[in-house]
Amino acid sequence: MQEHKVIFFASVEQDEDGFYVAEAVALPGCVTQGRTEQEALTRLQEAIAGWLEAEAAKRLPAKPKESLREVSV
């Protein structure tokens, strides 16, 4: 069976305490943090998986809040 990968855009910002806050832009409430940017992104991967599992458990289709597209200029 072929594994499918889904790509999500993430917002990463450093807060006033020095922690990195990462958010999956298209998934409402899917936010985490870490002491380093890499730690925050690793935790975000886990948070995204949990978010998607929770949506699947509701037996509802996952509906991102917005649809993002890459545009080259």
PDB file of N, CA and C in Angstrom:
ATOM      1  N   MET A   1       0.839  -1.173   0.000  1.00  0.00           N
ATOM      2  CA  MET A   1       0.000   0.000   0.000  1.00  0.00           C
ATOM      3  C   MET A   1       0.888   1.242   0.000  1.00  0.00           C
ATOM      4  N   GLN A   2       0.560   2.182  -0.838  1.00  0.00           N
ATOM      5  CA  GLN A   2       1.347   3.403  -0.974  1.00  0.00           C
ATOM      6  C   GLN A   2       0.971   4.400   0.117  1.00  0.00           C
ATOM      7  N   GLU A   3       1.991   5.003   0.734  1.00  0.00           N
ATOM      8  CA  GLU A   3       1.760   6.006   1.770  1.00  0.00           C
ATOM      9  C   GLU A   3       1.518   7.353   1.114  1.00  0.00           C
ATOM     10  N   HIS A   4       0.483   8.042   1.578  1.00  0.00           N
ATOM     11  CA  HIS A   4       0.172   9.363   1.059  1.00  0.00           C
ATOM     12  C   HIS A   4       0.647  10.405   2.051  1.00  0.00           C
ATOM     13  N   LYS A   5       1.267  11.452   1.552  1.00  0.00           N
ATOM     14  CA  LYS A   5       1.693  12.550   2.403  1.00  0.00           C
ATOM     15  C   LYS A   5       0.854  13.774   2.094  1.00  0.00           C
ATOM     16  N   VAL A   6       0.511  14.483   3.139  1.00  0.00           N
ATOM     17  CA  VAL A   6      -0.232  15.722   3.005  1.00  0.00           C
ATOM     18  C   VAL A   6       0.653  16.830   3.552  1.00  0.00           C
ATOM     19  N   ILE A   7       0.717  17.920   2.852  1.00  0.00           N
ATOM     20  CA  ILE A   7       1.553  19.043   3.268  1.00  0.00           C
ATOM     21  C   ILE A   7       0.660  20.143   3.824  1.00  0.00           C
ATOM     22  N   PHE A   8       1.017  20.627   5.006  1.00  0.00           N
ATOM     23  CA  PHE A   8       0.321  21.744   5.627  1.00  0.00           C
ATOM     24  C   PHE A   8       1.298  22.902   5.770  1.00  0.00           C
ATOM     25  N   PHE A   9       0.807  24.114   5.594  1.00  0.00           N
ATOM     26  CA  PHE A   9       1.622  25.290   5.835  1.00  0.00           C
ATOM     27  C   PHE A   9       1.608  25.587   7.326  1.00  0.00           C
ATOM     28  N   ALA A  10       2.762  25.975   7.852  1.00  0.00           N
ATOM     29  CA  ALA A  10       2.885  26.272   9.274  1.00  0.00           C
ATOM     30  C   ALA A  10       3.366  27.703   9.468  1.00  0.00           C
ATOM     31  N   SER A  11       2.842  28.309  10.504  1.00  0.00           N
ATOM     32  CA  SER A  11       3.311  29.613  10.957  1.00  0.00           C
ATOM     33  C   SER A  11       4.157  29.360  12.196  1.00  0.00           C
ATOM     34  N   VAL A  12       5.379  29.900  12.234  1.00  0.00           N
ATOM     35  CA  VAL A  12       6.264  29.736  13.392  1.00  0.00           C
ATOM     36  C   VAL A  12       6.762  31.114  13.809  1.00  0.00           C
ATOM     37  N   GLU A  13       6.532  31.441  15.069  1.00  0.00           N
ATOM     38  CA  GLU A  13       6.977  32.719  15.615  1.00  0.00           C
ATOM     39  C   GLU A  13       7.583  32.491  16.985  1.00  0.00           C
ATOM     40  N   GLN A  14       8.547  33.305  17.335  1.00  0.00           N
ATOM     41  CA  GLN A  14       9.146  33.224  18.662  1.00  0.00           C
ATOM     42  C   GLN A  14       8.394  34.186  19.585  1.00  0.00           C
ATOM     43  N   ASP A  15       7.951  33.670  20.757  1.00  0.00           N
ATOM     44  CA  ASP A  15       7.211  34.525  21.672  1.00  0.00           C
ATOM     45  C   ASP A  15       8.147  35.316  22.587  1.00  0.00           C
ATOM     46  N   GLU A  16       7.565  36.134  23.445  1.00  0.00           N
ATOM     47  CA  GLU A  16       8.358  37.015  24.302  1.00  0.00           C
ATOM     48  C   GLU A  16       9.198  36.258  25.334  1.00  0.00           C
ATOM     49  N   ASP A  17       8.862  34.980  25.597  1.00  0.00           N
ATOM     50  CA  ASP A  17       9.629  34.158  26.536  1.00  0.00           C
ATOM     51  C   ASP A  17      10.706  33.332  25.836  1.00  0.00           C
ATOM     52  N   GLY A  18      10.803  33.459  24.514  1.00  0.00           N
ATOM     53  CA  GLY A  18      11.824  32.736  23.762  1.00  0.00           C
ATOM     54  C   GLY A  18      11.369  31.406  23.195  1.00  0.00           C
ATOM     55  N   PHE A  19      10.129  30.987  23.485  1.00  0.00           N
ATOM     56  CA  PHE A  19       9.615  29.740  22.926  1.00  0.00           C
ATOM     57  C   PHE A  19       9.153  29.969  21.490  1.00  0.00           C
ATOM     58  N   TYR A  20       9.210  28.929  20.692  1.00  0.00           N
ATOM     59  CA  TYR A  20       8.716  28.987  19.318  1.00  0.00           C
ATOM     60  C   TYR A  20       7.304  28.415  19.301  1.00  0.00           C
ATOM     61  N   VAL A  21       6.384  29.175  18.763  1.00  0.00           N
ATOM     62  CA  VAL A  21       4.985  28.773  18.667  1.00  0.00           C
ATOM     63  C   VAL A  21       4.710  28.423  17.216  1.00  0.00           C
ATOM     64  N   ALA A  22       4.226  27.201  16.988  1.00  0.00           N
ATOM     65  CA  ALA A  22       3.948  26.722  15.631  1.00  0.00           C
ATOM     66  C   ALA A  22       2.461  26.425  15.494  1.00  0.00           C
ATOM     67  N   GLU A  23       1.898  26.831  14.367  1.00  0.00           N
ATOM     68  CA  GLU A  23       0.473  26.632  14.116  1.00  0.00           C
ATOM     69  C   GLU A  23       0.277  26.107  12.697  1.00  0.00           C
ATOM     70  N   ALA A  24      -0.570  25.090  12.564  1.00  0.00           N
ATOM     71  CA  ALA A  24      -0.977  24.618  11.237  1.00  0.00           C
ATOM     72  C   ALA A  24      -2.038  25.603  10.746  1.00  0.00           C
ATOM     73  N   VAL A  25      -1.699  26.407   9.786  1.00  0.00           N
ATOM     74  CA  VAL A  25      -2.521  27.531   9.363  1.00  0.00           C
ATOM     75  C   VAL A  25      -3.951  27.113   8.988  1.00  0.00           C
ATOM     76  N   ALA A  26      -4.119  26.004   8.320  1.00  0.00           N
ATOM     77  CA  ALA A  26      -5.437  25.612   7.814  1.00  0.00           C
ATOM     78  C   ALA A  26      -6.249  24.766   8.795  1.00  0.00           C
ATOM     79  N   LEU A  27      -5.685  24.454   9.968  1.00  0.00           N
ATOM     80  CA  LEU A  27      -6.381  23.589  10.925  1.00  0.00           C
ATOM     81  C   LEU A  27      -6.688  24.384  12.196  1.00  0.00           C
ATOM     82  N   PRO A  28      -7.928  24.796  12.388  1.00  0.00           N
ATOM     83  CA  PRO A  28      -8.286  25.630  13.534  1.00  0.00           C
ATOM     84  C   PRO A  28      -7.885  24.993  14.864  1.00  0.00           C
ATOM     85  N   GLY A  29      -7.163  25.744  15.674  1.00  0.00           N
ATOM     86  CA  GLY A  29      -6.774  25.284  16.999  1.00  0.00           C
ATOM     87  C   GLY A  29      -5.586  24.360  17.049  1.00  0.00           C
ATOM     88  N   CYS A  30      -4.952  24.096  15.932  1.00  0.00           N
ATOM     89  CA  CYS A  30      -3.806  23.178  15.887  1.00  0.00           C
ATOM     90  C   CYS A  30      -2.526  23.981  16.103  1.00  0.00           C
ATOM     91  N   VAL A  31      -2.179  24.164  17.400  1.00  0.00           N
ATOM     92  CA  VAL A  31      -1.063  25.013  17.800  1.00  0.00           C
ATOM     93  C   VAL A  31      -0.235  24.285  18.855  1.00  0.00           C
ATOM     94  N   THR A  32       1.068  24.474  18.820  1.00  0.00           N
ATOM     95  CA  THR A  32       1.955  23.903  19.825  1.00  0.00           C
ATOM     96  C   THR A  32       3.175  24.798  19.969  1.00  0.00           C
ATOM     97  N   GLN A  33       4.095  24.408  20.844  1.00  0.00           N
ATOM     98  CA  GLN A  33       5.308  25.210  21.029  1.00  0.00           C
ATOM     99  C   GLN A  33       6.489  24.323  21.357  1.00  0.00           C
ATOM    100  N   GLY A  34       7.682  24.910  21.274  1.00  0.00           N
ATOM    101  CA  GLY A  34       8.905  24.197  21.626  1.00  0.00           C
ATOM    102  C   GLY A  34      10.002  25.182  21.978  1.00  0.00           C
ATOM    103  N   ARG A  35      11.050  24.669  22.604  1.00  0.00           N
ATOM    104  CA  ARG A  35      12.181  25.533  22.988  1.00  0.00           C
ATOM    105  C   ARG A  35      12.996  25.957  21.770  1.00  0.00           C
ATOM    106  N   THR A  36      12.964  25.127  20.707  1.00  0.00           N
ATOM    107  CA  THR A  36      13.634  25.463  19.454  1.00  0.00           C
ATOM    108  C   THR A  36      12.605  25.408  18.338  1.00  0.00           C
ATOM    109  N   GLU A  37      12.961  25.996  17.205  1.00  0.00           N
ATOM    110  CA  GLU A  37      12.042  25.949  16.057  1.00  0.00           C
ATOM    111  C   GLU A  37      11.815  24.504  15.625  1.00  0.00           C
ATOM    112  N   GLN A  38      12.876  23.702  15.597  1.00  0.00           N
ATOM    113  CA  GLN A  38      12.737  22.305  15.181  1.00  0.00           C
ATOM    114  C   GLN A  38      11.842  21.523  16.144  1.00  0.00           C
ATOM    115  N   GLU A  39      12.001  21.768  17.447  1.00  0.00           N
ATOM    116  CA  GLU A  39      11.154  21.086  18.427  1.00  0.00           C
ATOM    117  C   GLU A  39       9.688  21.466  18.214  1.00  0.00           C
ATOM    118  N   ALA A  40       9.437  22.744  17.962  1.00  0.00           N
ATOM    119  CA  ALA A  40       8.061  23.194  17.719  1.00  0.00           C
ATOM    120  C   ALA A  40       7.487  22.532  16.468  1.00  0.00           C
ATOM    121  N   LEU A  41       8.284  22.405  15.415  1.00  0.00           N
ATOM    122  CA  LEU A  41       7.802  21.781  14.180  1.00  0.00           C
ATOM    123  C   LEU A  41       7.565  20.286  14.362  1.00  0.00           C
ATOM    124  N   THR A  42       8.423  19.621  15.124  1.00  0.00           N
ATOM    125  CA  THR A  42       8.230  18.195  15.402  1.00  0.00           C
ATOM    126  C   THR A  42       6.939  17.996  16.192  1.00  0.00           C
ATOM    127  N   ARG A  43       6.726  18.838  17.182  1.00  0.00           N
ATOM    128  CA  ARG A  43       5.492  18.750  17.974  1.00  0.00           C
ATOM    129  C   ARG A  43       4.278  19.085  17.119  1.00  0.00           C
ATOM    130  N   LEU A  44       4.445  19.983  16.148  1.00  0.00           N
ATOM    131  CA  LEU A  44       3.329  20.328  15.276  1.00  0.00           C
ATOM    132  C   LEU A  44       2.937  19.136  14.413  1.00  0.00           C
ATOM    133  N   GLN A  45       3.903  18.358  13.960  1.00  0.00           N
ATOM    134  CA  GLN A  45       3.578  17.145  13.198  1.00  0.00           C
ATOM    135  C   GLN A  45       2.690  16.227  14.035  1.00  0.00           C
ATOM    136  N   GLU A  46       3.042  16.070  15.309  1.00  0.00           N
ATOM    137  CA  GLU A  46       2.238  15.245  16.208  1.00  0.00           C
ATOM    138  C   GLU A  46       0.854  15.852  16.422  1.00  0.00           C
ATOM    139  N   ALA A  47       0.798  17.181  16.567  1.00  0.00           N
ATOM    140  CA  ALA A  47      -0.478  17.856  16.776  1.00  0.00           C
ATOM    141  C   ALA A  47      -1.381  17.717  15.552  1.00  0.00           C
ATOM    142  N   ILE A  48      -0.803  17.805  14.364  1.00  0.00           N
ATOM    143  CA  ILE A  48      -1.590  17.647  13.132  1.00  0.00           C
ATOM    144  C   ILE A  48      -2.169  16.242  13.061  1.00  0.00           C
ATOM    145  N   ALA A  49      -1.353  15.245  13.355  1.00  0.00           N
ATOM    146  CA  ALA A  49      -1.842  13.860  13.348  1.00  0.00           C
ATOM    147  C   ALA A  49      -2.995  13.700  14.332  1.00  0.00           C
ATOM    148  N   GLY A  50      -2.858  14.274  15.513  1.00  0.00           N
ATOM    149  CA  GLY A  50      -3.929  14.206  16.510  1.00  0.00           C
ATOM    150  C   GLY A  50      -5.172  14.932  16.065  1.00  0.00           C
ATOM    151  N   TRP A  51      -4.998  16.082  15.439  1.00  0.00           N
ATOM    152  CA  TRP A  51      -6.134  16.861  14.938  1.00  0.00           C
ATOM    153  C   TRP A  51      -6.914  16.049  13.898  1.00  0.00           C
ATOM    154  N   LEU A  52      -6.163  15.440  12.980  1.00  0.00           N
ATOM    155  CA  LEU A  52      -6.813  14.655  11.924  1.00  0.00           C
ATOM    156  C   LEU A  52      -7.509  13.419  12.496  1.00  0.00           C
ATOM    157  N   GLU A  53      -6.894  12.770  13.479  1.00  0.00           N
ATOM    158  CA  GLU A  53      -7.522  11.615  14.133  1.00  0.00           C
ATOM    159  C   GLU A  53      -8.809  12.020  14.838  1.00  0.00           C
ATOM    160  N   ALA A  54      -8.791  13.160  15.515  1.00  0.00           N
ATOM    161  CA  ALA A  54      -9.988  13.646  16.210  1.00  0.00           C
ATOM    162  C   ALA A  54     -11.118  13.922  15.223  1.00  0.00           C
ATOM    163  N   GLU A  55     -10.787  14.515  14.090  1.00  0.00           N
ATOM    164  CA  GLU A  55     -11.810  14.773  13.069  1.00  0.00           C
ATOM    165  C   GLU A  55     -12.365  13.468  12.515  1.00  0.00           C
ATOM    166  N   ALA A  56     -11.478  12.496  12.288  1.00  0.00           N
ATOM    167  CA  ALA A  56     -11.927  11.202  11.769  1.00  0.00           C
ATOM    168  C   ALA A  56     -12.818  10.497  12.788  1.00  0.00           C
ATOM    169  N   ALA A  57     -12.504  10.644  14.072  1.00  0.00           N
ATOM    170  CA  ALA A  57     -13.303  10.012  15.120  1.00  0.00           C
ATOM    171  C   ALA A  57     -14.703  10.597  15.179  1.00  0.00           C
ATOM    172  N   LYS A  58     -14.838  11.846  14.797  1.00  0.00           N
ATOM    173  CA  LYS A  58     -16.155  12.481  14.753  1.00  0.00           C
ATOM    174  C   LYS A  58     -16.960  11.987  13.557  1.00  0.00           C
ATOM    175  N   ARG A  59     -16.282  11.265  12.671  1.00  0.00           N
ATOM    176  CA  ARG A  59     -16.875  10.774  11.420  1.00  0.00           C
ATOM    177  C   ARG A  59     -17.349  11.921  10.534  1.00  0.00           C
ATOM    178  N   LEU A  60     -16.640  13.009  10.644  1.00  0.00           N
ATOM    179  CA  LEU A  60     -16.902  14.161   9.790  1.00  0.00           C
ATOM    180  C   LEU A  60     -15.683  14.391   8.924  1.00  0.00           C
ATOM    181  N   PRO A  61     -15.864  14.872   7.719  1.00  0.00           N
ATOM    182  CA  PRO A  61     -14.691  15.195   6.915  1.00  0.00           C
ATOM    183  C   PRO A  61     -13.929  16.350   7.535  1.00  0.00           C
ATOM    184  N   ALA A  62     -12.614  16.265   7.502  1.00  0.00           N
ATOM    185  CA  ALA A  62     -11.781  17.357   8.007  1.00  0.00           C
ATOM    186  C   ALA A  62     -11.963  18.552   7.082  1.00  0.00           C
ATOM    187  N   LYS A  63     -12.329  19.678   7.656  1.00  0.00           N
ATOM    188  CA  LYS A  63     -12.561  20.876   6.858  1.00  0.00           C
ATOM    189  C   LYS A  63     -11.612  21.974   7.303  1.00  0.00           C
ATOM    190  N   PRO A  64     -10.515  22.138   6.591  1.00  0.00           N
ATOM    191  CA  PRO A  64      -9.617  23.244   6.910  1.00  0.00           C
ATOM    192  C   PRO A  64     -10.361  24.567   6.799  1.00  0.00           C
ATOM    193  N   LYS A  65      -9.929  25.573   7.575  1.00  0.00           N
ATOM    194  CA  LYS A  65     -10.627  26.853   7.581  1.00  0.00           C
ATOM    195  C   LYS A  65     -10.402  27.659   6.314  1.00  0.00           C
ATOM    196  N   GLU A  66      -9.370  27.320   5.581  1.00  0.00           N
ATOM    197  CA  GLU A  66      -9.110  28.036   4.334  1.00  0.00           C
ATOM    198  C   GLU A  66      -8.338  27.127   3.388  1.00  0.00           C
ATOM    199  N   SER A  67      -8.370  27.467   2.157  1.00  0.00           N
ATOM    200  CA  SER A  67      -7.661  26.695   1.156  1.00  0.00           C
ATOM    201  C   SER A  67      -6.493  27.527   0.649  1.00  0.00           C
ATOM    202  N   LEU A  68      -5.267  27.068   0.918  1.00  0.00           N
ATOM    203  CA  LEU A  68      -4.077  27.799   0.491  1.00  0.00           C
ATOM    204  C   LEU A  68      -3.508  27.196  -0.778  1.00  0.00           C
ATOM    205  N   ARG A  69      -2.948  28.021  -1.603  1.00  0.00           N
ATOM    206  CA  ARG A  69      -2.315  27.582  -2.839  1.00  0.00           C
ATOM    207  C   ARG A  69      -0.943  28.240  -2.931  1.00  0.00           C
ATOM    208  N   GLU A  70       0.000  27.521  -3.508  1.00  0.00           N
ATOM    209  CA  GLU A  70       1.301  28.118  -3.800  1.00  0.00           C
ATOM    210  C   GLU A  70       1.188  28.876  -5.113  1.00  0.00           C
ATOM    211  N   VAL A  71       1.707  30.079  -5.139  1.00  0.00           N
ATOM    212  CA  VAL A  71       1.661  30.914  -6.338  1.00  0.00           C
ATOM    213  C   VAL A  71       3.074  31.411  -6.605  1.00  0.00           C
ATOM    214  N   SER A  72       3.559  31.186  -7.810  1.00  0.00           N
ATOM    215  CA  SER A  72       4.889  31.678  -8.203  1.00  0.00           C
ATOM    216  C   SER A  72       4.743  32.989  -8.922  1.00  0.00           C
ATOM    217  N   VAL A  73       5.655  33.897  -8.643  1.00  0.00           N
ATOM    218  CA  VAL A  73       5.625  35.207  -9.303  1.00  0.00           C
ATOM    219  C   VAL A  73       6.968  35.443  -9.959  1.00  0.00           C
TER     220      VAL A  73
END
